[in-house]
Amino acid sequence: VQLQASGGGLVQAGGSLRLSCATSGRTFSIFTVAWFRQAPGKEREFVAAIRRSGGATAYADSVKGRFTISRDNAKNTVYLQMNSLKPEDTAVYSCAWAPRQVIISALRGPTSYDYWGQGTQVTVSS
């Protein structure tokens, strides 16, 4: 499975960006997908996850109400719509996939995911 993340960039505080993560997997619809981020000098942290088509979503408290994760199975793509961005959202964002329905209690753990894409840089200026 190959993953390609895109959509990062430089934006002012309060602005928006949409990240995309595309895969060539033929069984995309059963994948659980998540976004993680890592800022300089900090540990990687969970951002959001979505289970297979029609499944549950989960968000980190720090992004709840501002970020939305969604998927387009026809395009084998997952999106992360980020609104009301803050300087503390600055990080490298990476998408991760698991070829199964990850249980809800495990959605936030990086070890639940088998495949990782290259990150995309998001920089929010104040």
N, C-alpha and C. Protein backbone atom coordinates (compact mmCIF):
# COMPACT_ATOMS: atom_id res chain seq x y z
N VAL A 1 0.85 -1.19 0.00
CA VAL A 1 0.00 0.00 0.00
C VAL A 1 0.88 1.24 0.00
N GLN A 2 0.64 2.11 -0.93
CA GLN A 2 1.38 3.37 -0.97
C GLN A 2 0.45 4.51 -0.62
N LEU A 3 0.95 5.39 0.22
CA LEU A 3 0.17 6.53 0.66
C LEU A 3 0.84 7.82 0.23
N GLN A 4 0.05 8.78 -0.14
CA GLN A 4 0.58 10.07 -0.55
C GLN A 4 -0.23 11.16 0.11
N ALA A 5 0.40 11.90 1.01
CA ALA A 5 -0.25 13.02 1.68
C ALA A 5 0.09 14.31 0.96
N SER A 6 -0.87 15.23 0.90
CA SER A 6 -0.65 16.51 0.25
C SER A 6 -1.58 17.55 0.85
N GLY A 7 -1.34 18.81 0.49
CA GLY A 7 -2.24 19.87 0.90
C GLY A 7 -1.70 20.79 1.97
N GLY A 8 -0.52 20.49 2.49
CA GLY A 8 0.06 21.36 3.51
C GLY A 8 0.51 22.69 2.92
N GLY A 9 0.90 23.60 3.81
CA GLY A 9 1.36 24.90 3.35
C GLY A 9 1.45 25.88 4.49
N LEU A 10 1.60 27.14 4.12
CA LEU A 10 1.69 28.23 5.08
C LEU A 10 0.38 29.00 5.07
N VAL A 11 -0.18 29.22 6.25
CA VAL A 11 -1.45 29.93 6.36
C VAL A 11 -1.43 30.79 7.62
N GLN A 12 -2.17 31.86 7.58
CA GLN A 12 -2.27 32.73 8.76
C GLN A 12 -3.24 32.12 9.77
N ALA A 13 -3.05 32.50 11.02
CA ALA A 13 -3.96 32.05 12.07
C ALA A 13 -5.39 32.41 11.70
N GLY A 14 -6.29 31.46 11.93
CA GLY A 14 -7.68 31.65 11.57
C GLY A 14 -8.03 31.13 10.19
N GLY A 15 -7.02 30.79 9.41
CA GLY A 15 -7.23 30.29 8.07
C GLY A 15 -7.56 28.82 8.03
N SER A 16 -7.65 28.30 6.80
CA SER A 16 -8.04 26.90 6.60
C SER A 16 -7.11 26.22 5.60
N LEU A 17 -6.99 24.92 5.76
CA LEU A 17 -6.30 24.06 4.81
C LEU A 17 -7.04 22.74 4.74
N ARG A 18 -6.90 22.06 3.60
CA ARG A 18 -7.43 20.71 3.49
C ARG A 18 -6.32 19.76 3.07
N LEU A 19 -6.05 18.80 3.91
CA LEU A 19 -5.06 17.79 3.61
C LEU A 19 -5.74 16.60 2.94
N SER A 20 -5.00 15.95 2.05
CA SER A 20 -5.50 14.76 1.38
C SER A 20 -4.50 13.63 1.56
N CYS A 21 -5.02 12.42 1.63
CA CYS A 21 -4.17 11.23 1.71
C CYS A 21 -4.76 10.20 0.76
N ALA A 22 -4.03 9.90 -0.29
CA ALA A 22 -4.52 8.97 -1.31
C ALA A 22 -3.75 7.66 -1.25
N THR A 23 -4.45 6.59 -1.59
CA THR A 23 -3.83 5.28 -1.59
C THR A 23 -4.24 4.51 -2.83
N SER A 24 -3.42 3.53 -3.17
CA SER A 24 -3.72 2.69 -4.31
C SER A 24 -4.36 1.36 -3.90
N GLY A 25 -4.67 1.20 -2.62
CA GLY A 25 -5.21 -0.04 -2.11
C GLY A 25 -6.55 -0.40 -2.72
N ARG A 26 -6.72 -1.65 -3.12
CA ARG A 26 -7.96 -2.08 -3.74
C ARG A 26 -9.09 -2.28 -2.73
N THR A 27 -8.74 -2.47 -1.47
CA THR A 27 -9.77 -2.69 -0.46
C THR A 27 -9.88 -1.48 0.45
N PHE A 28 -9.79 -0.32 -0.13
CA PHE A 28 -9.80 0.93 0.60
C PHE A 28 -10.94 1.02 1.59
N SER A 29 -12.12 0.56 1.20
CA SER A 29 -13.31 0.79 2.00
C SER A 29 -13.25 0.13 3.37
N ILE A 30 -12.39 -0.87 3.54
CA ILE A 30 -12.32 -1.51 4.85
C ILE A 30 -11.20 -0.95 5.71
N PHE A 31 -10.45 -0.01 5.17
CA PHE A 31 -9.35 0.56 5.92
C PHE A 31 -9.85 1.52 6.99
N THR A 32 -9.12 1.54 8.09
CA THR A 32 -9.26 2.61 9.08
C THR A 32 -8.11 3.57 8.83
N VAL A 33 -8.41 4.85 8.81
CA VAL A 33 -7.41 5.84 8.46
C VAL A 33 -7.31 6.90 9.56
N ALA A 34 -6.10 7.35 9.81
CA ALA A 34 -5.89 8.36 10.84
C ALA A 34 -4.88 9.39 10.38
N TRP A 35 -4.95 10.54 11.01
CA TRP A 35 -3.94 11.58 10.85
C TRP A 35 -3.24 11.77 12.19
N PHE A 36 -1.92 11.87 12.11
CA PHE A 36 -1.10 12.20 13.26
C PHE A 36 -0.26 13.42 12.89
N ARG A 37 0.28 14.09 13.88
CA ARG A 37 1.15 15.22 13.61
C ARG A 37 2.30 15.24 14.59
N GLN A 38 3.38 15.86 14.15
CA GLN A 38 4.55 15.98 15.01
C GLN A 38 5.17 17.35 14.80
N ALA A 39 5.25 18.09 15.89
CA ALA A 39 5.88 19.40 15.87
C ALA A 39 7.34 19.25 16.29
N PRO A 40 8.19 20.21 15.91
CA PRO A 40 9.61 20.12 16.28
C PRO A 40 9.80 20.01 17.78
N GLY A 41 10.58 19.02 18.20
CA GLY A 41 10.86 18.85 19.61
C GLY A 41 9.76 18.21 20.42
N LYS A 42 8.69 17.79 19.74
CA LYS A 42 7.57 17.18 20.45
C LYS A 42 7.31 15.77 19.92
N GLU A 43 6.59 15.00 20.72
CA GLU A 43 6.24 13.66 20.30
C GLU A 43 5.09 13.69 19.29
N ARG A 44 5.02 12.63 18.51
CA ARG A 44 3.91 12.50 17.56
C ARG A 44 2.59 12.40 18.33
N GLU A 45 1.58 13.07 17.84
CA GLU A 45 0.30 13.03 18.53
C GLU A 45 -0.84 12.74 17.55
N PHE A 46 -1.84 12.08 18.06
CA PHE A 46 -3.03 11.75 17.30
C PHE A 46 -3.83 13.01 16.99
N VAL A 47 -4.39 13.07 15.77
CA VAL A 47 -5.22 14.20 15.39
C VAL A 47 -6.67 13.75 15.15
N ALA A 48 -6.86 12.79 14.25
CA ALA A 48 -8.21 12.35 13.91
C ALA A 48 -8.15 10.99 13.24
N ALA A 49 -9.27 10.26 13.29
CA ALA A 49 -9.35 8.95 12.65
C ALA A 49 -10.76 8.70 12.15
N ILE A 50 -10.87 7.85 11.14
CA ILE A 50 -12.17 7.48 10.61
C ILE A 50 -12.16 6.00 10.28
N ARG A 51 -13.18 5.31 10.70
CA ARG A 51 -13.26 3.87 10.43
C ARG A 51 -13.86 3.68 9.03
N ARG A 52 -14.07 2.46 8.63
CA ARG A 52 -14.49 2.19 7.27
C ARG A 52 -15.82 2.87 6.97
N SER A 53 -16.16 2.88 5.72
CA SER A 53 -17.30 3.62 5.21
C SER A 53 -18.49 3.56 6.17
N GLY A 54 -18.92 4.74 6.55
CA GLY A 54 -20.05 4.82 7.46
C GLY A 54 -19.69 4.63 8.91
N GLY A 55 -18.40 4.49 9.18
CA GLY A 55 -17.96 4.21 10.54
C GLY A 55 -17.76 5.42 11.41
N ALA A 56 -17.26 5.17 12.58
CA ALA A 56 -17.10 6.23 13.57
C ALA A 56 -15.87 7.08 13.28
N THR A 57 -15.87 8.27 13.84
CA THR A 57 -14.72 9.16 13.78
C THR A 57 -14.26 9.47 15.20
N ALA A 58 -13.02 9.90 15.31
CA ALA A 58 -12.47 10.30 16.60
C ALA A 58 -11.54 11.48 16.37
N TYR A 59 -11.49 12.38 17.35
CA TYR A 59 -10.67 13.57 17.25
C TYR A 59 -9.92 13.81 18.55
N ALA A 60 -8.76 14.41 18.42
CA ALA A 60 -8.06 14.90 19.60
C ALA A 60 -8.84 16.08 20.15
N ASP A 61 -8.82 16.25 21.45
CA ASP A 61 -9.55 17.35 22.07
C ASP A 61 -9.09 18.71 21.52
N SER A 62 -7.82 18.80 21.18
CA SER A 62 -7.25 20.08 20.74
C SER A 62 -7.76 20.51 19.37
N VAL A 63 -8.35 19.58 18.60
CA VAL A 63 -8.82 19.94 17.26
C VAL A 63 -10.33 19.77 17.10
N LYS A 64 -10.97 19.23 18.11
CA LYS A 64 -12.41 18.96 18.02
C LYS A 64 -13.16 20.25 17.77
N GLY A 65 -14.07 20.21 16.79
CA GLY A 65 -14.84 21.39 16.43
C GLY A 65 -14.17 22.26 15.38
N ARG A 66 -12.90 22.02 15.10
CA ARG A 66 -12.18 22.79 14.10
C ARG A 66 -11.77 21.94 12.90
N PHE A 67 -11.45 20.70 13.14
CA PHE A 67 -11.01 19.78 12.09
C PHE A 67 -12.10 18.77 11.80
N THR A 68 -12.17 18.35 10.54
CA THR A 68 -13.12 17.31 10.13
C THR A 68 -12.42 16.30 9.23
N ILE A 69 -12.52 15.02 9.60
CA ILE A 69 -11.96 13.96 8.76
C ILE A 69 -13.09 13.34 7.96
N SER A 70 -12.80 13.04 6.70
CA SER A 70 -13.81 12.43 5.84
C SER A 70 -13.11 11.55 4.81
N ARG A 71 -13.89 10.74 4.10
CA ARG A 71 -13.29 9.85 3.11
C ARG A 71 -14.16 9.78 1.87
N ASP A 72 -13.49 9.56 0.73
CA ASP A 72 -14.17 9.34 -0.54
C ASP A 72 -13.68 8.00 -1.05
N ASN A 73 -14.48 6.97 -0.87
CA ASN A 73 -14.06 5.62 -1.25
C ASN A 73 -13.85 5.49 -2.75
N ALA A 74 -14.61 6.22 -3.53
CA ALA A 74 -14.47 6.16 -4.98
C ALA A 74 -13.10 6.67 -5.43
N LYS A 75 -12.56 7.58 -4.66
CA LYS A 75 -11.25 8.17 -5.00
C LYS A 75 -10.12 7.60 -4.14
N ASN A 76 -10.45 6.63 -3.29
CA ASN A 76 -9.43 6.07 -2.38
C ASN A 76 -8.67 7.16 -1.63
N THR A 77 -9.41 8.12 -1.13
CA THR A 77 -8.78 9.28 -0.52
C THR A 77 -9.47 9.64 0.79
N VAL A 78 -8.66 10.06 1.75
CA VAL A 78 -9.15 10.59 3.02
C VAL A 78 -8.72 12.04 3.11
N TYR A 79 -9.59 12.86 3.67
CA TYR A 79 -9.33 14.30 3.78
C TYR A 79 -9.32 14.72 5.25
N LEU A 80 -8.58 15.78 5.51
CA LEU A 80 -8.62 16.43 6.82
C LEU A 80 -8.83 17.92 6.57
N GLN A 81 -10.05 18.37 6.78
CA GLN A 81 -10.38 19.78 6.65
C GLN A 81 -10.03 20.47 7.96
N MET A 82 -9.15 21.46 7.87
CA MET A 82 -8.68 22.15 9.06
C MET A 82 -9.11 23.60 9.00
N ASN A 83 -9.95 24.01 9.91
CA ASN A 83 -10.44 25.38 9.98
C ASN A 83 -9.97 26.05 11.27
N SER A 84 -10.06 27.36 11.29
CA SER A 84 -9.67 28.12 12.49
C SER A 84 -8.29 27.70 12.99
N LEU A 85 -7.36 27.62 12.08
CA LEU A 85 -6.02 27.14 12.43
C LEU A 85 -5.33 28.08 13.41
N LYS A 86 -4.53 27.47 14.29
CA LYS A 86 -3.80 28.21 15.31
C LYS A 86 -2.30 27.94 15.13
N PRO A 87 -1.46 28.82 15.61
CA PRO A 87 -0.01 28.58 15.50
C PRO A 87 0.41 27.24 16.11
N GLU A 88 -0.27 26.81 17.15
CA GLU A 88 0.07 25.54 17.78
C GLU A 88 -0.31 24.32 16.93
N ASP A 89 -0.99 24.55 15.81
CA ASP A 89 -1.28 23.45 14.88
C ASP A 89 -0.10 23.20 13.93
N THR A 90 0.91 24.05 14.00
CA THR A 90 2.08 23.89 13.14
C THR A 90 2.77 22.57 13.43
N ALA A 91 2.94 21.75 12.38
CA ALA A 91 3.53 20.42 12.54
C ALA A 91 3.62 19.76 11.17
N VAL A 92 4.30 18.63 11.15
CA VAL A 92 4.25 17.75 9.99
C VAL A 92 3.10 16.78 10.21
N TYR A 93 2.18 16.74 9.27
CA TYR A 93 1.00 15.89 9.37
C TYR A 93 1.19 14.64 8.50
N SER A 94 0.93 13.48 9.08
CA SER A 94 1.08 12.22 8.36
C SER A 94 -0.20 11.41 8.46
N CYS A 95 -0.50 10.68 7.39
CA CYS A 95 -1.65 9.80 7.43
C CYS A 95 -1.19 8.36 7.65
N ALA A 96 -2.06 7.58 8.25
CA ALA A 96 -1.74 6.20 8.57
C ALA A 96 -2.96 5.32 8.32
N TRP A 97 -2.72 4.08 7.94
CA TRP A 97 -3.80 3.18 7.55
C TRP A 97 -3.68 1.83 8.25
N ALA A 98 -4.83 1.26 8.51
CA ALA A 98 -4.89 -0.12 8.98
C ALA A 98 -5.89 -0.87 8.11
N PRO A 99 -5.52 -2.05 7.58
CA PRO A 99 -6.41 -2.80 6.68
C PRO A 99 -7.48 -3.59 7.43
N ARG A 100 -8.12 -2.92 8.35
CA ARG A 100 -9.16 -3.57 9.15
C ARG A 100 -9.94 -2.49 9.89
N GLN A 101 -10.98 -2.94 10.56
CA GLN A 101 -11.78 -2.03 11.38
C GLN A 101 -11.13 -1.95 12.76
N VAL A 102 -10.38 -0.91 13.00
CA VAL A 102 -9.73 -0.73 14.30
C VAL A 102 -10.80 -0.43 15.37
N ILE A 103 -10.68 -1.06 16.51
CA ILE A 103 -11.66 -0.82 17.55
C ILE A 103 -11.54 0.62 18.04
N ILE A 104 -12.66 1.17 18.47
CA ILE A 104 -12.72 2.59 18.81
C ILE A 104 -11.70 2.97 19.87
N SER A 105 -11.53 2.12 20.85
CA SER A 105 -10.60 2.44 21.95
C SER A 105 -9.15 2.48 21.49
N ALA A 106 -8.87 1.95 20.31
CA ALA A 106 -7.49 1.90 19.80
C ALA A 106 -7.23 2.90 18.69
N LEU A 107 -8.21 3.69 18.32
CA LEU A 107 -8.06 4.61 17.19
C LEU A 107 -6.93 5.61 17.40
N ARG A 108 -6.67 6.00 18.63
CA ARG A 108 -5.68 7.05 18.90
C ARG A 108 -4.25 6.53 19.01
N GLY A 109 -4.08 5.24 18.98
CA GLY A 109 -2.73 4.67 19.15
C GLY A 109 -2.01 4.46 17.84
N PRO A 110 -0.81 4.99 17.69
CA PRO A 110 -0.07 4.81 16.43
C PRO A 110 0.24 3.35 16.10
N THR A 111 0.31 2.50 17.10
CA THR A 111 0.61 1.09 16.83
C THR A 111 -0.57 0.35 16.22
N SER A 112 -1.72 1.00 16.13
CA SER A 112 -2.89 0.37 15.50
C SER A 112 -2.80 0.39 13.98
N TYR A 113 -1.84 1.12 13.45
CA TYR A 113 -1.77 1.36 12.00
C TYR A 113 -0.53 0.71 11.41
N ASP A 114 -0.73 0.12 10.21
CA ASP A 114 0.33 -0.64 9.56
C ASP A 114 1.12 0.15 8.52
N TYR A 115 0.46 1.10 7.90
CA TYR A 115 1.09 1.81 6.79
C TYR A 115 1.07 3.32 7.08
N TRP A 116 2.17 3.96 6.76
CA TRP A 116 2.32 5.40 7.01
C TRP A 116 2.76 6.08 5.73
N GLY A 117 2.17 7.24 5.47
CA GLY A 117 2.59 8.04 4.33
C GLY A 117 3.62 9.07 4.74
N GLN A 118 4.26 9.65 3.75
CA GLN A 118 5.16 10.76 4.02
C GLN A 118 4.35 11.96 4.50
N GLY A 119 4.92 12.72 5.38
CA GLY A 119 4.20 13.83 5.96
C GLY A 119 4.13 15.04 5.05
N THR A 120 3.24 15.94 5.40
CA THR A 120 3.13 17.22 4.72
C THR A 120 3.18 18.32 5.78
N GLN A 121 3.96 19.35 5.51
CA GLN A 121 4.19 20.41 6.49
C GLN A 121 3.03 21.41 6.51
N VAL A 122 2.56 21.68 7.71
CA VAL A 122 1.56 22.72 7.92
C VAL A 122 2.17 23.76 8.84
N THR A 123 2.20 25.01 8.39
CA THR A 123 2.75 26.10 9.18
C THR A 123 1.71 27.19 9.32
N VAL A 124 1.39 27.54 10.56
CA VAL A 124 0.39 28.56 10.84
C VAL A 124 1.09 29.74 11.48
N SER A 125 1.02 30.88 10.83
CA SER A 125 1.68 32.07 11.35
C SER A 125 0.70 32.89 12.20
N SER A 126 1.25 33.57 13.19
CA SER A 126 0.40 34.36 14.09
C SER A 126 0.20 35.78 13.59
